[in-house]
């Protein structure tokens, strides 16, 4: 279980420290629109794989 926790924390830290700063610095990128697109895709995937 600790290995899973470490993997998740590593992933979260990578996003926070590397991916998000790069996304914020990208000119012309609408983060709110991107968030809406990701949420829509998540919903689509969840419906497709619902039990």
Protein backbone atom coordinates (compact mmCIF):
# COMPACT_ATOMS: atom_id res chain seq x y z
CA UNK A 1 0.00 0.00 0.00
CA UNK A 2 2.88 2.38 0.73
CA UNK A 3 4.22 1.87 -2.80
CA UNK A 4 0.88 2.99 -4.25
CA UNK A 5 0.85 6.03 -1.99
CA UNK A 6 4.39 6.93 -3.03
CA UNK A 7 3.51 6.56 -6.71
CA UNK A 8 0.45 8.79 -6.34
CA UNK A 9 2.37 11.45 -4.42
CA UNK A 10 5.14 11.38 -7.03
CA UNK A 11 2.57 11.86 -9.79
CA UNK A 12 0.82 14.72 -7.97
CA UNK A 13 4.13 16.45 -7.29
CA UNK A 14 5.17 16.12 -10.94
CA UNK A 15 1.92 17.72 -12.04
CA UNK A 16 2.15 20.53 -9.52
CA UNK A 17 5.85 21.27 -9.97
CA UNK A 18 6.37 20.57 -13.69
CA UNK A 19 3.22 20.24 -15.78
CA UNK A 20 1.03 23.01 -14.34
CA UNK A 21 3.72 25.72 -14.43
CA UNK A 22 4.42 24.87 -18.08
CA UNK A 23 0.70 24.98 -18.89
CA UNK A 24 0.28 28.34 -17.14
CA UNK A 25 3.25 29.76 -19.09
CA UNK A 26 1.89 28.64 -22.46
CA UNK A 27 0.58 31.63 -24.36
CA UNK A 28 -2.91 31.34 -25.73
CA UNK A 29 -3.82 28.31 -23.62
CA UNK A 30 -7.22 28.72 -21.98
CA UNK A 31 -6.93 26.66 -18.81
CA UNK A 32 -10.64 26.97 -18.03
CA UNK A 33 -11.55 25.61 -21.47
CA UNK A 34 -9.00 22.82 -21.06
CA UNK A 35 -10.53 21.94 -17.67
CA UNK A 36 -13.99 21.75 -19.25
CA UNK A 37 -12.70 19.50 -22.03
CA UNK A 38 -10.97 17.20 -19.55
CA UNK A 39 -14.10 16.99 -17.39
CA UNK A 40 -16.23 16.16 -20.44
CA UNK A 41 -13.80 13.44 -21.49
CA UNK A 42 -13.73 12.02 -17.95
CA UNK A 43 -17.52 11.86 -17.91
CA UNK A 44 -17.52 10.14 -21.30
CA UNK A 45 -15.01 7.54 -20.14
CA UNK A 46 -16.81 6.93 -16.87
CA UNK A 47 -20.08 6.32 -18.72
CA UNK A 48 -18.38 3.95 -21.15
CA UNK A 49 -16.82 1.90 -18.35
CA UNK A 50 -19.68 2.03 -15.86
CA UNK A 51 -20.42 -1.23 -14.11
